Each structure stands twice: as C-alpha cells, then as structure tokens.
Amino acid sequence: MNQNQLDKIKNGKGFIAALDQSGGSTPKALAAYGISKDAYSSEDEMFDLVHKMRSRIITSPAFDSDYILGAILFEQTMDREIEGMYTGDYLAEKKGIVPFLKVDKGLAEEANGVQLMKPITDLDETLKRANERHIFGTKMRSVIKEADQEGIKAVVDQQFEIGKQIIAAGLVPIIEPEVDINSSEKEKCEELLKAEIRSHLDNLSNDELVMLKLTIPTQANLYKELIDHPKVVRVVALSGGYSTDVANEKLKTNDGLIASFSRALSQDLSASQTDEAFDSALEKAVKSIYEASI
C-alpha cells in the first residue's frame, strides 16, 4: 500500500470521481454524452468510444488534484493507456490522483429485497493485475431495496468477506452497499445497514482498513459513527440517480461525508462540445461537488 496515497485519501480535501461504468451501463453513459447506439456496431467499438470519453475527462485541466482525491476505473480502463501510460499511472504520476478499480461483475437477481453481487470468479487474477498497474484500492457494489434484515445482512456479509480478500492482496476495498433512493423504506434500510456495517468494522483487525461508499442518508449525519471509526479510511457518497444539484445539497448536510459521483460529474458533458466548453462544464461540476464535499 502506498502510504502517501493512503494519507491523501484519508485526510485530503476533495472527492472521488467515479469513471467506472461497465459493459451494462456503458451504452447509457455514451448516450448521455451524446453518442447514440448507431455510432458503434460492436462491443469493441463501444469500449473504444467510452475510453475516449474517459480520457478526455481525465486529461482535462479541470480534472485537477486540488479538487479530486481519487478516481474509480472500469477494468478495461485500467488495462488501457492515456498518452502512452497505463491509466492508473497517468492518474497518479501526471495528475496526483489516486486510482481505484471496480472489481464486481454486476448484480445477481433480487432476493430478500436486495441484490447481491454476482460471483467474482477471477478476483485473484484481477487483484494481481491491479497491483501490477499500481492501483490503490477497489470498489464493488450491491443494492438494497427493502428493509429486510436477512437480505441486508447477506449483502454486508458478502461485501466484507470479499473485502478481506482484497485487503490480503494489499489493496483498500471500497465497500458499496447502495440503498436505492426510490425505496419506500429507505430510512429503515439505512438504520439496519449501519448496524450491520458497524458489527463488521468492530471485528476487523488493526491492519485491516476499508472505505465505505453509501447512499446519502435520509437522516443527516446518520453515518457519522462510521466516518469516525478507526478501521474506516473514508466514507464517500454515491449520487444514486440524484441530479448534481440535489446530490450536492444533500451531501452538505452530512459532516465528513465526501462525494463519489458518476452521473452527477458528467451530466453536462457532450462529445460535440469544443474543448473550451467541455473543460468549462467539467470545471463547474468538479468545483460544485468539491464545495459540497468540504
């Protein structure tokens, strides 16, 4: 583990940029960027286009370490290059931004009001490659839709079980049990989730550190005790479908919680923009998310 990067993530001012749309969500991300499905005829072409989009974001002067602490990458992005350097190295060396990697393979079918992660069958190989690519940490997402004690326990159990495997590989896992913002039981889900996470944190050994990525809670500062927990490097918030403005306003009411937004970061960006217009739109989003995070 890189101690300087750990210190930056733990103590730095800023937020984590999420650039980790995977195969299932890439068409939607490209469409929002102004590239329709008829612009590509294969998965390879689609991934070429999304890498071009991500490269444009990362190389923009607005994508600045004064505001952005880290960036979460899709596996293919980690294995591709920007200006002749692997993406993680470009982020760390050229931008001073800490690279993370999305490692989950998507969501299983809903059961007990939750969606667990699908099995990550090649995790050891992925973590080996992540270390070779100088990745600092990982991210994996589950979803909670109902206040079902059994379902929420299963989500957190799975997250921490895989998280320990990631820690053993020398990386810092971002545990992400997302609570659906449209759940009619959102507040109750969050109470149950907090208790489950707290139980697992209390059972980690001194050298086992995690990050948490959580939906902005309905009750402000609900997660403060998790933010202050000695085994937690940082707690970051997902935008969960909220617009940038709404997500930022909700974030501001939670002390110590910082953003890790995806759609809210890129919602005003377009492939057809001039570089000047693109950089200006990205700078506006970056600065608004930064202000909400600090």
C-alpha atoms as a PDB file:
ATOM      1  CA  MET A   1       0.000   0.000   0.000  1.00  0.00           C
ATOM      2  CA  ASN A   2       1.265   3.442  -0.923  1.00  0.00           C
ATOM      3  CA  GLN A   3       1.420   5.442   2.329  1.00  0.00           C
ATOM      4  CA  ASN A   4       1.287   8.827   0.582  1.00  0.00           C
ATOM      5  CA  GLN A   5      -1.844   7.800  -1.278  1.00  0.00           C
ATOM      6  CA  LEU A   6      -3.386   6.466   1.945  1.00  0.00           C
ATOM      7  CA  ASP A   7      -2.720   9.800   3.662  1.00  0.00           C
ATOM      8  CA  LYS A   8      -4.218  11.699   0.720  1.00  0.00           C
ATOM      9  CA  ILE A   9      -7.420   9.637   0.701  1.00  0.00           C
ATOM     10  CA  LYS A  10      -7.761   9.691   4.493  1.00  0.00           C
ATOM     11  CA  ASN A  11      -7.003  13.352   5.129  1.00  0.00           C
ATOM     12  CA  GLY A  12      -7.226  15.213   1.815  1.00  0.00           C
ATOM     13  CA  LYS A  13      -9.874  17.741   0.816  1.00  0.00           C
ATOM     14  CA  GLY A  14     -11.860  16.767  -2.253  1.00  0.00           C
ATOM     15  CA  PHE A  15     -13.886  13.891  -3.654  1.00  0.00           C
ATOM     16  CA  ILE A  16     -13.596  10.591  -5.531  1.00  0.00           C
ATOM     17  CA  ALA A  17     -14.577  10.653  -9.219  1.00  0.00           C
ATOM     18  CA  ALA A  18     -16.429   7.544 -10.418  1.00  0.00           C
ATOM     19  CA  LEU A  19     -15.478   6.690 -14.012  1.00  0.00           C
ATOM     20  CA  ASP A  20     -16.345   3.007 -13.762  1.00  0.00           C
ATOM     21  CA  GLN A  21     -19.384   2.419 -15.976  1.00  0.00           C
ATOM     22  CA  SER A  22     -19.160  -1.235 -17.066  1.00  0.00           C
ATOM     23  CA  GLY A  23     -20.488  -3.133 -20.085  1.00  0.00           C
ATOM     24  CA  GLY A  24     -24.091  -2.929 -18.937  1.00  0.00           C
ATOM     25  CA  SER A  25     -24.125   0.795 -18.153  1.00  0.00           C
ATOM     26  CA  THR A  26     -21.771   1.999 -20.892  1.00  0.00           C
ATOM     27  CA  PRO A  27     -24.459   2.498 -23.612  1.00  0.00           C
ATOM     28  CA  LYS A  28     -26.402   4.733 -21.208  1.00  0.00           C
ATOM     29  CA  ALA A  29     -23.249   6.699 -20.316  1.00  0.00           C
ATOM     30  CA  LEU A  30     -22.400   7.175 -24.001  1.00  0.00           C
ATOM     31  CA  ALA A  31     -25.971   8.210 -24.818  1.00  0.00           C
ATOM     32  CA  ALA A  32     -25.860  10.842 -22.062  1.00  0.00           C
ATOM     33  CA  TYR A  33     -22.605  12.044 -23.635  1.00  0.00           C
ATOM     34  CA  GLY A  34     -24.339  12.410 -27.000  1.00  0.00           C
ATOM     35  CA  ILE A  35     -23.142   9.194 -28.666  1.00  0.00           C
ATOM     36  CA  SER A  36     -26.098   7.030 -29.715  1.00  0.00           C
ATOM     37  CA  LYS A  37     -26.049   3.253 -30.228  1.00  0.00           C
ATOM     38  CA  ASP A  38     -25.928   3.615 -34.007  1.00  0.00           C
ATOM     39  CA  ALA A  39     -22.470   5.231 -33.680  1.00  0.00           C
ATOM     40  CA  TYR A  40     -20.896   1.819 -32.948  1.00  0.00           C
ATOM     41  CA  SER A  41     -21.510  -1.679 -34.269  1.00  0.00           C
ATOM     42  CA  SER A  42     -19.574  -3.838 -31.808  1.00  0.00           C
ATOM     43  CA  GLU A  43     -18.665  -4.005 -28.137  1.00  0.00           C
ATOM     44  CA  ASP A  44     -15.035  -3.223 -29.015  1.00  0.00           C
ATOM     45  CA  GLU A  45     -16.078  -0.008 -30.774  1.00  0.00           C
ATOM     46  CA  MET A  46     -18.303   0.895 -27.821  1.00  0.00           C
ATOM     47  CA  PHE A  47     -15.420   0.472 -25.359  1.00  0.00           C
ATOM     48  CA  ASP A  48     -13.097   2.467 -27.636  1.00  0.00           C
ATOM     49  CA  LEU A  49     -15.589   5.340 -27.548  1.00  0.00           C
ATOM     50  CA  VAL A  50     -16.070   5.249 -23.787  1.00  0.00           C
ATOM     51  CA  HIS A  51     -12.300   5.146 -23.240  1.00  0.00           C
ATOM     52  CA  LYS A  52     -12.003   8.205 -25.464  1.00  0.00           C
ATOM     53  CA  MET A  53     -14.661   9.916 -23.310  1.00  0.00           C
ATOM     54  CA  ARG A  54     -12.889   8.984 -20.065  1.00  0.00           C
ATOM     55  CA  SER A  55      -9.519  10.037 -21.469  1.00  0.00           C
ATOM     56  CA  ARG A  56     -10.991  13.417 -22.361  1.00  0.00           C
ATOM     57  CA  ILE A  57     -12.251  13.829 -18.793  1.00  0.00           C
ATOM     58  CA  ILE A  58      -9.004  12.684 -17.160  1.00  0.00           C
ATOM     59  CA  THR A  59      -6.708  14.793 -19.371  1.00  0.00           C
ATOM     60  CA  SER A  60      -8.856  17.920 -18.995  1.00  0.00           C
ATOM     61  CA  PRO A  61      -7.225  20.661 -16.897  1.00  0.00           C
ATOM     62  CA  ALA A  62     -10.481  20.714 -14.912  1.00  0.00           C
ATOM     63  CA  PHE A  63      -9.755  17.168 -13.668  1.00  0.00           C
ATOM     64  CA  ASP A  64      -7.458  18.531 -11.006  1.00  0.00           C
ATOM     65  CA  SER A  65      -5.949  17.004  -7.843  1.00  0.00           C
ATOM     66  CA  ASP A  66      -6.709  20.235  -5.976  1.00  0.00           C
ATOM     67  CA  TYR A  67     -10.330  19.052  -6.041  1.00  0.00           C
ATOM     68  CA  ILE A  68     -10.227  15.324  -6.863  1.00  0.00           C
ATOM     69  CA  LEU A  69      -8.587  12.854  -4.475  1.00  0.00           C
ATOM     70  CA  GLY A  70      -9.156   9.642  -6.420  1.00  0.00           C
ATOM     71  CA  ALA A  71     -10.820   8.110  -9.468  1.00  0.00           C
ATOM     72  CA  ILE A  72     -12.561   4.737  -9.813  1.00  0.00           C
ATOM     73  CA  LEU A  73     -11.830   2.944 -13.076  1.00  0.00           C
ATOM     74  CA  PHE A  74     -13.503   0.159 -15.042  1.00  0.00           C
ATOM     75  CA  GLU A  75     -11.269  -2.900 -15.581  1.00  0.00           C
ATOM     76  CA  GLN A  76     -10.773  -2.165 -19.281  1.00  0.00           C
ATOM     77  CA  THR A  77      -9.812   1.415 -18.454  1.00  0.00           C
ATOM     78  CA  MET A  78      -7.112   0.141 -16.093  1.00  0.00           C
ATOM     79  CA  ASP A  79      -5.682  -2.001 -18.902  1.00  0.00           C
ATOM     80  CA  ARG A  80      -5.724   0.820 -21.471  1.00  0.00           C
ATOM     81  CA  GLU A  81      -3.366   3.740 -21.844  1.00  0.00           C
ATOM     82  CA  ILE A  82      -3.640   7.521 -21.813  1.00  0.00           C
ATOM     83  CA  GLU A  83      -0.841   9.375 -23.589  1.00  0.00           C
ATOM     84  CA  GLY A  84       1.338   6.249 -23.550  1.00  0.00           C
ATOM     85  CA  MET A  85       0.861   5.418 -19.852  1.00  0.00           C
ATOM     86  CA  TYR A  86      -1.473   2.929 -18.175  1.00  0.00           C
ATOM     87  CA  THR A  87      -4.458   4.878 -16.868  1.00  0.00           C
ATOM     88  CA  GLY A  88      -3.623   4.307 -13.185  1.00  0.00           C
ATOM     89  CA  ASP A  89      -0.057   5.507 -13.692  1.00  0.00           C
ATOM     90  CA  TYR A  90      -1.272   8.548 -15.652  1.00  0.00           C
ATOM     91  CA  LEU A  91      -3.661   9.458 -12.833  1.00  0.00           C
ATOM     92  CA  ALA A  92      -1.050   9.000 -10.098  1.00  0.00           C
ATOM     93  CA  GLU A  93       2.021  10.431 -11.830  1.00  0.00           C
ATOM     94  CA  LYS A  94       0.618  13.121 -14.142  1.00  0.00           C
ATOM     95  CA  LYS A  95      -2.400  14.175 -12.106  1.00  0.00           C
ATOM     96  CA  GLY A  96      -1.612  13.301  -8.483  1.00  0.00           C
ATOM     97  CA  ILE A  97      -4.968  11.445  -8.275  1.00  0.00           C
ATOM     98  CA  VAL A  98      -5.268   8.046  -6.553  1.00  0.00           C
ATOM     99  CA  PRO A  99      -6.507   5.199  -8.815  1.00  0.00           C
ATOM    100  CA  PHE A 100      -9.181   2.692  -7.755  1.00  0.00           C
ATOM    101  CA  LEU A 101     -10.667  -0.245  -9.682  1.00  0.00           C
ATOM    102  CA  LYS A 102     -14.237  -1.553  -9.916  1.00  0.00           C
ATOM    103  CA  VAL A 103     -13.950  -5.325  -9.395  1.00  0.00           C
ATOM    104  CA  ASP A 104     -17.541  -6.589  -9.192  1.00  0.00           C
ATOM    105  CA  LYS A 105     -19.201  -8.389 -12.112  1.00  0.00           C
ATOM    106  CA  GLY A 106     -22.626  -6.852 -11.694  1.00  0.00           C
ATOM    107  CA  LEU A 107     -25.695  -7.715  -9.642  1.00  0.00           C
ATOM    108  CA  ALA A 108     -27.453 -11.027  -9.049  1.00  0.00           C
ATOM    109  CA  GLU A 109     -31.254 -11.330  -9.243  1.00  0.00           C
ATOM    110  CA  GLU A 110     -33.187  -9.731  -6.398  1.00  0.00           C
ATOM    111  CA  ALA A 111     -33.895 -11.882  -3.329  1.00  0.00           C
ATOM    112  CA  ASN A 112     -34.969 -10.831   0.173  1.00  0.00           C
ATOM    113  CA  GLY A 113     -35.257  -7.238  -1.036  1.00  0.00           C
ATOM    114  CA  VAL A 114     -31.586  -6.986  -2.094  1.00  0.00           C
ATOM    115  CA  GLN A 115     -29.274  -7.728  -4.993  1.00  0.00           C
ATOM    116  CA  LEU A 116     -26.040  -9.405  -4.003  1.00  0.00           C
ATOM    117  CA  MET A 117     -23.009  -9.296  -6.270  1.00  0.00           C
ATOM    118  CA  LYS A 118     -22.559 -11.989  -8.880  1.00  0.00           C
ATOM    119  CA  PRO A 119     -19.609 -14.304  -8.122  1.00  0.00           C
ATOM    120  CA  ILE A 120     -16.250 -12.673  -8.889  1.00  0.00           C
ATOM    121  CA  THR A 121     -14.576 -15.798 -10.237  1.00  0.00           C
ATOM    122  CA  ASP A 122     -11.316 -14.193 -11.379  1.00  0.00           C
ATOM    123  CA  LEU A 123     -10.752 -11.881  -8.406  1.00  0.00           C
ATOM    124  CA  ASP A 124      -7.260 -13.145  -7.528  1.00  0.00           C
ATOM    125  CA  GLU A 125      -6.056 -12.588 -11.092  1.00  0.00           C
ATOM    126  CA  THR A 126      -7.701  -9.147 -11.226  1.00  0.00           C
ATOM    127  CA  LEU A 127      -6.068  -8.104  -7.937  1.00  0.00           C
ATOM    128  CA  LYS A 128      -2.676  -9.333  -9.180  1.00  0.00           C
ATOM    129  CA  ARG A 129      -3.076  -7.197 -12.301  1.00  0.00           C
ATOM    130  CA  ALA A 130      -4.308  -4.244 -10.228  1.00  0.00           C
ATOM    131  CA  ASN A 131      -1.098  -4.369  -8.203  1.00  0.00           C
ATOM    132  CA  GLU A 132       0.965  -4.501 -11.406  1.00  0.00           C
ATOM    133  CA  ARG A 133      -0.949  -1.423 -12.637  1.00  0.00           C
ATOM    134  CA  HIS A 134      -0.299   0.423  -9.322  1.00  0.00           C
ATOM    135  CA  ILE A 135      -3.957   0.563  -8.282  1.00  0.00           C
ATOM    136  CA  PHE A 136      -4.534   1.674  -4.669  1.00  0.00           C
ATOM    137  CA  GLY A 137      -7.980   0.267  -3.941  1.00  0.00           C
ATOM    138  CA  THR A 138     -11.094  -1.403  -5.326  1.00  0.00           C
ATOM    139  CA  LYS A 139     -14.843  -0.876  -5.424  1.00  0.00           C
ATOM    140  CA  MET A 140     -17.753  -3.332  -5.522  1.00  0.00           C
ATOM    141  CA  ARG A 141     -21.483  -2.632  -5.485  1.00  0.00           C
ATOM    142  CA  SER A 142     -24.556  -4.369  -4.084  1.00  0.00           C
ATOM    143  CA  VAL A 143     -28.066  -2.875  -3.899  1.00  0.00           C
ATOM    144  CA  ILE A 144     -30.610  -2.780  -1.056  1.00  0.00           C
ATOM    145  CA  LYS A 145     -34.254  -2.113  -1.948  1.00  0.00           C
ATOM    146  CA  GLU A 146     -36.221  -3.273   1.099  1.00  0.00           C
ATOM    147  CA  ALA A 147     -35.706  -3.195   4.863  1.00  0.00           C
ATOM    148  CA  ASP A 148     -35.225  -6.966   5.069  1.00  0.00           C
ATOM    149  CA  GLN A 149     -32.863  -7.856   7.935  1.00  0.00           C
ATOM    150  CA  GLU A 150     -31.788 -11.155   6.357  1.00  0.00           C
ATOM    151  CA  GLY A 151     -31.172  -9.586   2.952  1.00  0.00           C
ATOM    152  CA  ILE A 152     -29.185  -6.643   4.314  1.00  0.00           C
ATOM    153  CA  LYS A 153     -27.074  -8.971   6.487  1.00  0.00           C
ATOM    154  CA  ALA A 154     -26.308 -11.104   3.406  1.00  0.00           C
ATOM    155  CA  VAL A 155     -25.201  -8.012   1.461  1.00  0.00           C
ATOM    156  CA  VAL A 156     -22.841  -6.801   4.178  1.00  0.00           C
ATOM    157  CA  ASP A 157     -21.506 -10.307   4.898  1.00  0.00           C
ATOM    158  CA  GLN A 158     -20.639 -10.756   1.207  1.00  0.00           C
ATOM    159  CA  GLN A 159     -19.071  -7.305   0.922  1.00  0.00           C
ATOM    160  CA  PHE A 160     -16.768  -7.810   3.906  1.00  0.00           C
ATOM    161  CA  GLU A 161     -15.882 -11.400   3.003  1.00  0.00           C
ATOM    162  CA  ILE A 162     -14.610 -10.265  -0.413  1.00  0.00           C
ATOM    163  CA  GLY A 163     -13.206  -7.100   1.154  1.00  0.00           C
ATOM    164  CA  LYS A 164     -10.878  -9.216   3.332  1.00  0.00           C
ATOM    165  CA  GLN A 165      -9.596 -10.991   0.211  1.00  0.00           C
ATOM    166  CA  ILE A 166      -8.830  -7.570  -1.284  1.00  0.00           C
ATOM    167  CA  ILE A 167      -7.082  -6.397   1.896  1.00  0.00           C
ATOM    168  CA  ALA A 168      -4.955  -9.568   1.838  1.00  0.00           C
ATOM    169  CA  ALA A 169      -3.813  -8.571  -1.667  1.00  0.00           C
ATOM    170  CA  GLY A 170      -2.551  -5.236  -0.303  1.00  0.00           C
ATOM    171  CA  LEU A 171      -5.381  -3.046  -1.611  1.00  0.00           C
ATOM    172  CA  VAL A 172      -8.034  -0.977   0.165  1.00  0.00           C
ATOM    173  CA  PRO A 173     -11.599  -2.112  -0.641  1.00  0.00           C
ATOM    174  CA  ILE A 174     -14.464   0.328  -1.055  1.00  0.00           C
ATOM    175  CA  ILE A 175     -17.469  -1.488   0.412  1.00  0.00           C
ATOM    176  CA  GLU A 176     -20.554  -0.261  -1.508  1.00  0.00           C
ATOM    177  CA  PRO A 177     -23.959  -1.493  -0.304  1.00  0.00           C
ATOM    178  CA  GLU A 178     -26.131   1.065  -2.129  1.00  0.00           C
ATOM    179  CA  VAL A 179     -29.591   1.797  -0.733  1.00  0.00           C
ATOM    180  CA  ASP A 180     -31.985   2.510  -3.601  1.00  0.00           C
ATOM    181  CA  ILE A 181     -33.021   6.190  -3.349  1.00  0.00           C
ATOM    182  CA  ASN A 182     -36.515   5.192  -4.537  1.00  0.00           C
ATOM    183  CA  SER A 183     -37.071   2.632  -1.795  1.00  0.00           C
ATOM    184  CA  SER A 184     -40.213   3.306   0.252  1.00  0.00           C
ATOM    185  CA  GLU A 185     -38.250   2.000   3.257  1.00  0.00           C
ATOM    186  CA  LYS A 186     -35.033   3.923   2.596  1.00  0.00           C
ATOM    187  CA  GLU A 187     -34.623   5.276   6.127  1.00  0.00           C
ATOM    188  CA  LYS A 188     -35.249   1.883   7.759  1.00  0.00           C
ATOM    189  CA  CYS A 189     -32.847   0.226   5.289  1.00  0.00           C
ATOM    190  CA  GLU A 190     -30.164   2.715   6.324  1.00  0.00           C
ATOM    191  CA  GLU A 191     -30.626   2.023  10.041  1.00  0.00           C
ATOM    192  CA  LEU A 192     -30.294  -1.742   9.503  1.00  0.00           C
ATOM    193  CA  LEU A 193     -27.336  -1.251   7.178  1.00  0.00           C
ATOM    194  CA  LYS A 194     -25.461   0.953   9.645  1.00  0.00           C
ATOM    195  CA  ALA A 195     -25.814  -1.650  12.396  1.00  0.00           C
ATOM    196  CA  GLU A 196     -24.551  -4.458  10.147  1.00  0.00           C
ATOM    197  CA  ILE A 197     -21.577  -2.435   8.911  1.00  0.00           C
ATOM    198  CA  ARG A 198     -20.680  -1.369  12.455  1.00  0.00           C
ATOM    199  CA  SER A 199     -20.667  -5.004  13.584  1.00  0.00           C
ATOM    200  CA  HIS A 200     -18.246  -5.983  10.805  1.00  0.00           C
ATOM    201  CA  LEU A 201     -15.974  -2.974  11.371  1.00  0.00           C
ATOM    202  CA  ASP A 202     -15.657  -3.841  15.056  1.00  0.00           C
ATOM    203  CA  ASN A 203     -14.405  -7.315  14.094  1.00  0.00           C
ATOM    204  CA  LEU A 204     -11.643  -6.167  11.737  1.00  0.00           C
ATOM    205  CA  SER A 205      -8.067  -6.492  12.936  1.00  0.00           C
ATOM    206  CA  ASN A 206      -5.844  -3.437  13.409  1.00  0.00           C
ATOM    207  CA  ASP A 207      -4.199  -3.763   9.996  1.00  0.00           C
ATOM    208  CA  GLU A 208      -7.484  -4.248   8.105  1.00  0.00           C
ATOM    209  CA  LEU A 209      -8.741  -0.947   6.661  1.00  0.00           C
ATOM    210  CA  VAL A 210     -11.761  -0.305   4.439  1.00  0.00           C
ATOM    211  CA  MET A 211     -13.565   2.540   2.772  1.00  0.00           C
ATOM    212  CA  LEU A 212     -17.353   2.775   2.545  1.00  0.00           C
ATOM    213  CA  LYS A 213     -19.450   4.087  -0.333  1.00  0.00           C
ATOM    214  CA  LEU A 214     -23.008   4.728   0.790  1.00  0.00           C
ATOM    215  CA  THR A 215     -26.162   6.379  -0.446  1.00  0.00           C
ATOM    216  CA  ILE A 216     -26.579   9.847   1.094  1.00  0.00           C
ATOM    217  CA  PRO A 217     -28.767   9.050   4.126  1.00  0.00           C
ATOM    218  CA  THR A 218     -32.270  10.435   4.678  1.00  0.00           C
ATOM    219  CA  GLN A 219     -31.309  11.359   8.260  1.00  0.00           C
ATOM    220  CA  ALA A 220     -28.382  13.786   8.150  1.00  0.00           C
ATOM    221  CA  ASN A 221     -25.184  12.517   9.844  1.00  0.00           C
ATOM    222  CA  LEU A 222     -26.605   9.010  10.296  1.00  0.00           C
ATOM    223  CA  TYR A 223     -23.228   7.569   9.296  1.00  0.00           C
ATOM    224  CA  LYS A 224     -21.059   9.854  11.440  1.00  0.00           C
ATOM    225  CA  GLU A 225     -20.004   6.993  13.732  1.00  0.00           C
ATOM    226  CA  LEU A 226     -18.886   5.011  10.675  1.00  0.00           C
ATOM    227  CA  ILE A 227     -16.944   8.029   9.365  1.00  0.00           C
ATOM    228  CA  ASP A 228     -15.175   8.268  12.752  1.00  0.00           C
ATOM    229  CA  HIS A 229     -14.476   4.514  13.065  1.00  0.00           C
ATOM    230  CA  PRO A 230     -10.724   3.717  13.312  1.00  0.00           C
ATOM    231  CA  LYS A 231     -10.933   0.947  10.672  1.00  0.00           C
ATOM    232  CA  VAL A 232     -12.508   3.298   8.085  1.00  0.00           C
ATOM    233  CA  VAL A 233     -10.180   5.279   5.804  1.00  0.00           C
ATOM    234  CA  ARG A 234     -13.004   7.406   4.356  1.00  0.00           C
ATOM    235  CA  VAL A 235     -16.748   7.305   3.756  1.00  0.00           C
ATOM    236  CA  VAL A 236     -17.853   8.504   0.334  1.00  0.00           C
ATOM    237  CA  ALA A 237     -21.335   9.053  -1.026  1.00  0.00           C
ATOM    238  CA  LEU A 238     -22.862   7.905  -4.306  1.00  0.00           C
ATOM    239  CA  SER A 239     -25.282  10.191  -6.123  1.00  0.00           C
ATOM    240  CA  GLY A 240     -27.682   7.277  -6.704  1.00  0.00           C
ATOM    241  CA  GLY A 241     -29.600   8.966  -9.507  1.00  0.00           C
ATOM    242  CA  TYR A 242     -29.969  12.360  -7.854  1.00  0.00           C
ATOM    243  CA  SER A 243     -29.062  15.310 -10.084  1.00  0.00           C
ATOM    244  CA  THR A 244     -25.817  17.143  -9.274  1.00  0.00           C
ATOM    245  CA  ASP A 245     -27.626  19.994  -7.502  1.00  0.00           C
ATOM    246  CA  VAL A 246     -29.817  17.718  -5.375  1.00  0.00           C
ATOM    247  CA  ALA A 247     -26.927  15.363  -4.515  1.00  0.00           C
ATOM    248  CA  ASN A 248     -24.727  18.306  -3.536  1.00  0.00           C
ATOM    249  CA  GLU A 249     -27.397  19.837  -1.296  1.00  0.00           C
ATOM    250  CA  LYS A 250     -27.993  16.519   0.485  1.00  0.00           C
ATOM    251  CA  LEU A 251     -24.250  15.929   0.838  1.00  0.00           C
ATOM    252  CA  LYS A 252     -23.710  19.307   2.521  1.00  0.00           C
ATOM    253  CA  THR A 253     -25.887  18.247   5.470  1.00  0.00           C
ATOM    254  CA  ASN A 254     -23.554  15.331   6.335  1.00  0.00           C
ATOM    255  CA  ASP A 255     -20.329  16.225   8.166  1.00  0.00           C
ATOM    256  CA  GLY A 256     -17.262  14.343   6.933  1.00  0.00           C
ATOM    257  CA  LEU A 257     -19.061  12.596   4.070  1.00  0.00           C
ATOM    258  CA  ILE A 258     -17.469  13.288   0.674  1.00  0.00           C
ATOM    259  CA  ALA A 259     -18.752  12.638  -2.839  1.00  0.00           C
ATOM    260  CA  SER A 260     -18.019   9.780  -5.201  1.00  0.00           C
ATOM    261  CA  PHE A 261     -20.302  10.784  -8.035  1.00  0.00           C
ATOM    262  CA  SER A 262     -20.537   9.352 -11.544  1.00  0.00           C
ATOM    263  CA  ARG A 263     -23.553  10.686 -13.443  1.00  0.00           C
ATOM    264  CA  ALA A 264     -23.543  13.918 -11.433  1.00  0.00           C
ATOM    265  CA  LEU A 265     -19.953  14.538 -12.525  1.00  0.00           C
ATOM    266  CA  SER A 266     -20.539  14.073 -16.255  1.00  0.00           C
ATOM    267  CA  GLN A 267     -24.199  15.032 -16.774  1.00  0.00           C
ATOM    268  CA  ASP A 268     -23.395  18.304 -18.597  1.00  0.00           C
ATOM    269  CA  LEU A 269     -20.605  16.901 -20.794  1.00  0.00           C
ATOM    270  CA  SER A 270     -21.090  16.207 -24.504  1.00  0.00           C
ATOM    271  CA  ALA A 271     -18.983  14.707 -27.289  1.00  0.00           C
ATOM    272  CA  SER A 272     -19.955  17.648 -29.518  1.00  0.00           C
ATOM    273  CA  GLN A 273     -18.617  20.321 -27.146  1.00  0.00           C
ATOM    274  CA  THR A 274     -15.489  22.234 -28.041  1.00  0.00           C
ATOM    275  CA  ASP A 275     -12.582  21.582 -25.668  1.00  0.00           C
ATOM    276  CA  GLU A 276     -13.199  25.002 -24.126  1.00  0.00           C
ATOM    277  CA  ALA A 277     -16.896  24.294 -23.495  1.00  0.00           C
ATOM    278  CA  PHE A 278     -16.139  20.760 -22.272  1.00  0.00           C
ATOM    279  CA  ASP A 279     -13.476  21.928 -19.814  1.00  0.00           C
ATOM    280  CA  SER A 280     -15.748  24.712 -18.578  1.00  0.00           C
ATOM    281  CA  ALA A 281     -18.684  22.331 -17.949  1.00  0.00           C
ATOM    282  CA  LEU A 282     -16.414  19.811 -16.201  1.00  0.00           C
ATOM    283  CA  GLU A 283     -14.799  22.521 -14.085  1.00  0.00           C
ATOM    284  CA  LYS A 284     -18.221  23.743 -12.947  1.00  0.00           C
ATOM    285  CA  ALA A 285     -19.263  20.206 -11.935  1.00  0.00           C
ATOM    286  CA  VAL A 286     -15.939  19.466 -10.232  1.00  0.00           C
ATOM    287  CA  LYS A 287     -15.983  22.671  -8.188  1.00  0.00           C
ATOM    288  CA  SER A 288     -19.633  22.260  -7.125  1.00  0.00           C
ATOM    289  CA  ILE A 289     -19.041  18.665  -5.980  1.00  0.00           C
ATOM    290  CA  TYR A 290     -15.829  19.711  -4.205  1.00  0.00           C
ATOM    291  CA  GLU A 291     -17.628  22.518  -2.333  1.00  0.00           C
ATOM    292  CA  ALA A 292     -20.339  20.091  -1.208  1.00  0.00           C
ATOM    293  CA  SER A 293     -17.679  17.594  -0.081  1.00  0.00           C
ATOM    294  CA  ILE A 294     -15.757  20.028   2.117  1.00  0.00           C
END
